[in-house]
Amino acid sequence: MSQSVAHREEPLSATQLLAHDLRALRKARGLTLAEIAMRLQRSVGWVSQVERGLSTPSLADLRAFAELFDVPLSLFFGHEAETEDERGFVVRAARRRSLGTSETGLVEELLSPDLGGSFEMLRSVFAPGSELPEPALRKTEEAGYLASGRFDIEIDGVWHHLAEGDSFRFAAKPFRWRNPGDEPAVVIWVISPPVY
């Protein structure tokens, strides 16, 4: 009688996780390797090697990638895992990558280990009175769960008022948000494909 052995993936290195993130960001924005190379003034081969984890970009290169993709530089750091077995699989609360600052009224933490999958999961904290004044439109499917506070979201011109425990979903629709309450609103937000 044969027993099946569960296949276990090998954990990815920090360089490989960075490579996954850069490739996911490029694909989410619909850019080719050639377009990235042209904008960064680098060769297509170099960009390809970075995306495959065969070459490690310098800090200046990472700044250029961050500017090109309009993401915070901090997104590319903080891949450290508690143990090697957890790398690419588990994100400990103390090791989340922060993607915003309190000055903007929105602080987001990446709950996903990387951006290499088909979706990303974020913990978004909206300050009291904060808002996105102009609608945003992304070629994504998005869903959220209000873990605490009050949260209003306008989807395709219609405002929805959410209370703790409510959730939402939309795809490729203009949206904006506001926190009408006097305490932070915490939303667990899922976006496919990843945009950060």
Protein backbone atom coordinates (compact mmCIF):
# COMPACT_ATOMS: atom_id res chain seq x y z
CA MET A 1 0.00 0.00 0.00
CA SER A 2 1.60 3.28 -1.08
CA GLN A 3 1.34 6.47 0.83
CA SER A 4 1.26 9.84 -0.87
CA VAL A 5 3.78 12.36 0.32
CA ALA A 6 2.67 15.97 0.43
CA HIS A 7 4.86 18.19 -1.74
CA ARG A 8 6.33 21.07 0.22
CA GLU A 9 7.52 24.15 -1.62
CA GLU A 10 10.97 25.46 -0.79
CA PRO A 11 10.92 28.88 0.90
CA LEU A 12 11.98 31.76 -1.34
CA SER A 13 15.00 33.92 -0.57
CA ALA A 14 14.61 37.66 0.04
CA THR A 15 16.00 38.28 -3.48
CA GLN A 16 13.41 35.91 -4.99
CA LEU A 17 10.58 37.59 -3.04
CA LEU A 18 11.72 41.00 -4.28
CA ALA A 19 11.85 39.60 -7.81
CA HIS A 20 8.25 38.33 -7.47
CA ASP A 21 7.12 41.74 -6.21
CA LEU A 22 8.76 43.62 -9.08
CA ARG A 23 7.33 41.23 -11.70
CA ALA A 24 3.85 41.47 -10.14
CA LEU A 25 3.97 45.28 -10.13
CA ARG A 26 5.07 45.38 -13.78
CA LYS A 27 2.31 42.99 -14.85
CA ALA A 28 -0.35 44.81 -12.78
CA ARG A 29 0.51 47.98 -14.70
CA GLY A 30 0.50 46.22 -18.08
CA LEU A 31 4.12 47.08 -18.86
CA THR A 32 6.61 45.01 -20.85
CA LEU A 33 10.22 44.32 -19.90
CA ALA A 34 11.27 46.61 -22.76
CA GLU A 35 9.12 49.48 -21.46
CA ILE A 36 10.56 49.11 -17.95
CA ALA A 37 14.11 48.97 -19.34
CA MET A 38 13.53 52.10 -21.40
CA ARG A 39 12.07 54.05 -18.44
CA LEU A 40 14.88 52.96 -16.12
CA GLN A 41 17.54 53.41 -18.83
CA ARG A 42 18.73 49.86 -18.26
CA SER A 43 18.95 46.84 -20.56
CA VAL A 44 16.06 44.43 -21.04
CA GLY A 45 18.40 41.65 -19.97
CA TRP A 46 19.14 43.37 -16.65
CA VAL A 47 15.44 43.91 -15.90
CA SER A 48 14.76 40.27 -16.77
CA GLN A 49 17.56 39.09 -14.46
CA VAL A 50 16.18 41.23 -11.61
CA GLU A 51 12.69 39.79 -12.15
CA ARG A 52 14.08 36.25 -12.06
CA GLY A 53 16.08 36.89 -8.89
CA LEU A 54 19.41 36.46 -10.69
CA SER A 55 20.54 40.05 -10.14
CA THR A 56 20.01 42.23 -7.07
CA PRO A 57 19.14 45.88 -7.75
CA SER A 58 20.98 48.63 -5.89
CA LEU A 59 19.21 51.05 -3.55
CA ALA A 60 19.22 53.64 -6.36
CA ASP A 61 17.61 51.06 -8.67
CA LEU A 62 14.95 50.31 -6.05
CA ARG A 63 14.23 54.05 -5.73
CA ALA A 64 13.78 54.19 -9.52
CA PHE A 65 11.44 51.18 -9.44
CA ALA A 66 9.43 52.76 -6.59
CA GLU A 67 9.07 56.02 -8.54
CA LEU A 68 8.17 54.18 -11.74
CA PHE A 69 5.48 52.06 -10.05
CA ASP A 70 4.35 54.91 -7.75
CA VAL A 71 4.80 52.84 -4.60
CA PRO A 72 6.69 53.63 -1.38
CA LEU A 73 10.30 52.50 -1.30
CA SER A 74 9.53 50.70 1.97
CA LEU A 75 7.49 48.15 -0.01
CA PHE A 76 10.73 46.56 -1.19
CA PHE A 77 12.05 45.98 2.32
CA GLY A 78 10.92 43.88 5.25
CA HIS A 79 10.83 40.45 3.64
CA GLU A 80 12.40 38.99 6.77
CA ALA A 81 10.63 35.91 8.06
CA GLU A 82 10.67 34.63 11.62
CA THR A 83 12.18 31.37 10.35
CA GLU A 84 13.31 30.18 6.93
CA ASP A 85 10.37 27.73 6.83
CA GLU A 86 7.96 30.70 7.09
CA ARG A 87 9.54 32.82 4.31
CA GLY A 88 6.98 33.31 1.56
CA PHE A 89 4.20 31.70 3.60
CA VAL A 90 3.68 33.48 6.94
CA VAL A 91 3.73 37.16 7.90
CA ARG A 92 4.11 37.84 11.63
CA ALA A 93 2.35 40.96 12.96
CA ALA A 94 5.63 42.58 13.99
CA ARG A 95 7.17 42.02 10.55
CA ARG A 96 4.49 43.50 8.26
CA ARG A 97 5.60 45.92 5.56
CA SER A 98 4.03 49.34 6.11
CA LEU A 99 2.91 51.16 2.96
CA GLY A 100 1.72 54.54 4.20
CA THR A 101 2.13 57.27 6.76
CA SER A 102 -0.23 58.83 9.24
CA GLU A 103 0.12 62.21 7.45
CA THR A 104 -1.95 60.90 4.52
CA GLY A 105 -4.75 59.62 6.77
CA LEU A 106 -4.21 56.07 5.54
CA VAL A 107 -1.67 53.54 6.78
CA GLU A 108 -1.60 50.17 5.05
CA GLU A 109 0.28 47.03 6.00
CA LEU A 110 0.89 44.21 3.58
CA LEU A 111 -0.54 41.01 5.07
CA SER A 112 0.52 38.89 2.09
CA PRO A 113 4.08 37.51 2.19
CA ASP A 114 4.78 39.06 -1.23
CA LEU A 115 3.08 40.37 -4.38
CA GLY A 116 3.81 37.26 -6.43
CA GLY A 117 0.36 35.69 -6.12
CA SER A 118 -2.89 36.51 -7.88
CA PHE A 119 -4.02 38.84 -5.07
CA GLU A 120 -2.68 40.92 -2.20
CA MET A 121 -4.17 41.36 1.25
CA LEU A 122 -3.78 44.59 3.22
CA ARG A 123 -4.69 45.89 6.65
CA SER A 124 -5.79 49.47 5.96
CA VAL A 125 -6.22 51.93 8.85
CA PHE A 126 -8.16 55.08 7.92
CA ALA A 127 -7.76 58.03 10.32
CA PRO A 128 -10.91 59.76 11.63
CA GLY A 129 -12.11 62.33 9.08
CA SER A 130 -9.76 61.12 6.34
CA GLU A 131 -11.03 60.75 2.78
CA LEU A 132 -10.07 60.07 -0.80
CA PRO A 133 -11.59 63.20 -2.38
CA GLU A 134 -11.37 62.17 -6.04
CA PRO A 135 -12.52 58.76 -7.34
CA ALA A 136 -9.84 56.21 -8.17
CA LEU A 137 -10.19 53.60 -10.91
CA ARG A 138 -8.05 50.47 -11.05
CA LYS A 139 -8.20 47.45 -13.35
CA THR A 140 -8.70 45.20 -10.36
CA GLU A 141 -11.25 43.23 -8.40
CA GLU A 142 -11.34 44.38 -4.78
CA ALA A 143 -13.07 43.29 -1.60
CA GLY A 144 -12.97 44.52 1.96
CA TYR A 145 -14.12 43.66 5.46
CA LEU A 146 -14.60 46.39 8.07
CA ALA A 147 -12.95 45.01 11.20
CA SER A 148 -13.63 48.09 13.33
CA GLY A 149 -14.95 51.65 13.16
CA ARG A 150 -17.20 53.24 10.56
CA PHE A 151 -16.37 53.45 6.87
CA ASP A 152 -18.09 54.92 3.82
CA ILE A 153 -17.21 53.78 0.31
CA GLU A 154 -18.58 55.20 -2.93
CA ILE A 155 -18.63 52.59 -5.71
CA ASP A 156 -19.58 53.75 -9.20
CA GLY A 157 -21.27 56.89 -7.84
CA VAL A 158 -23.25 55.24 -5.02
CA TRP A 159 -22.25 55.76 -1.37
CA HIS A 160 -22.41 52.77 0.99
CA HIS A 161 -22.23 53.30 4.78
CA LEU A 162 -20.53 50.39 6.51
CA ALA A 163 -20.45 49.38 10.17
CA GLU A 164 -18.16 46.91 11.92
CA GLY A 165 -18.56 43.45 10.37
CA ASP A 166 -19.84 44.71 6.97
CA SER A 167 -18.01 43.89 3.75
CA PHE A 168 -17.92 44.94 0.10
CA ARG A 169 -16.67 43.88 -3.34
CA PHE A 170 -16.34 45.57 -6.73
CA ALA A 171 -14.41 45.16 -9.98
CA ALA A 172 -13.00 47.91 -12.21
CA LYS A 173 -15.37 50.59 -10.88
CA PRO A 174 -14.49 54.12 -9.78
CA PHE A 175 -14.40 54.35 -5.99
CA ARG A 176 -13.57 56.71 -3.17
CA TRP A 177 -13.77 56.43 0.59
CA ARG A 178 -14.09 58.39 3.82
CA ASN A 179 -14.01 57.70 7.53
CA PRO A 180 -16.99 59.60 9.00
CA GLY A 181 -16.29 58.39 12.54
CA ASP A 182 -14.21 59.72 15.39
CA GLU A 183 -12.03 56.61 15.66
CA PRO A 184 -9.81 54.82 13.12
CA ALA A 185 -11.55 52.50 10.66
CA VAL A 186 -9.70 49.21 10.07
CA VAL A 187 -10.44 47.46 6.78
CA ILE A 188 -8.96 44.15 5.64
CA TRP A 189 -8.67 44.83 1.90
CA VAL A 190 -8.01 42.25 -0.84
CA ILE A 191 -6.94 43.37 -4.34
CA SER A 192 -6.49 41.22 -7.44
CA PRO A 193 -4.11 41.54 -9.17
CA PRO A 194 -1.72 43.16 -6.67
CA VAL A 195 -1.17 46.89 -7.21
CA TYR A 196 1.39 47.78 -4.54
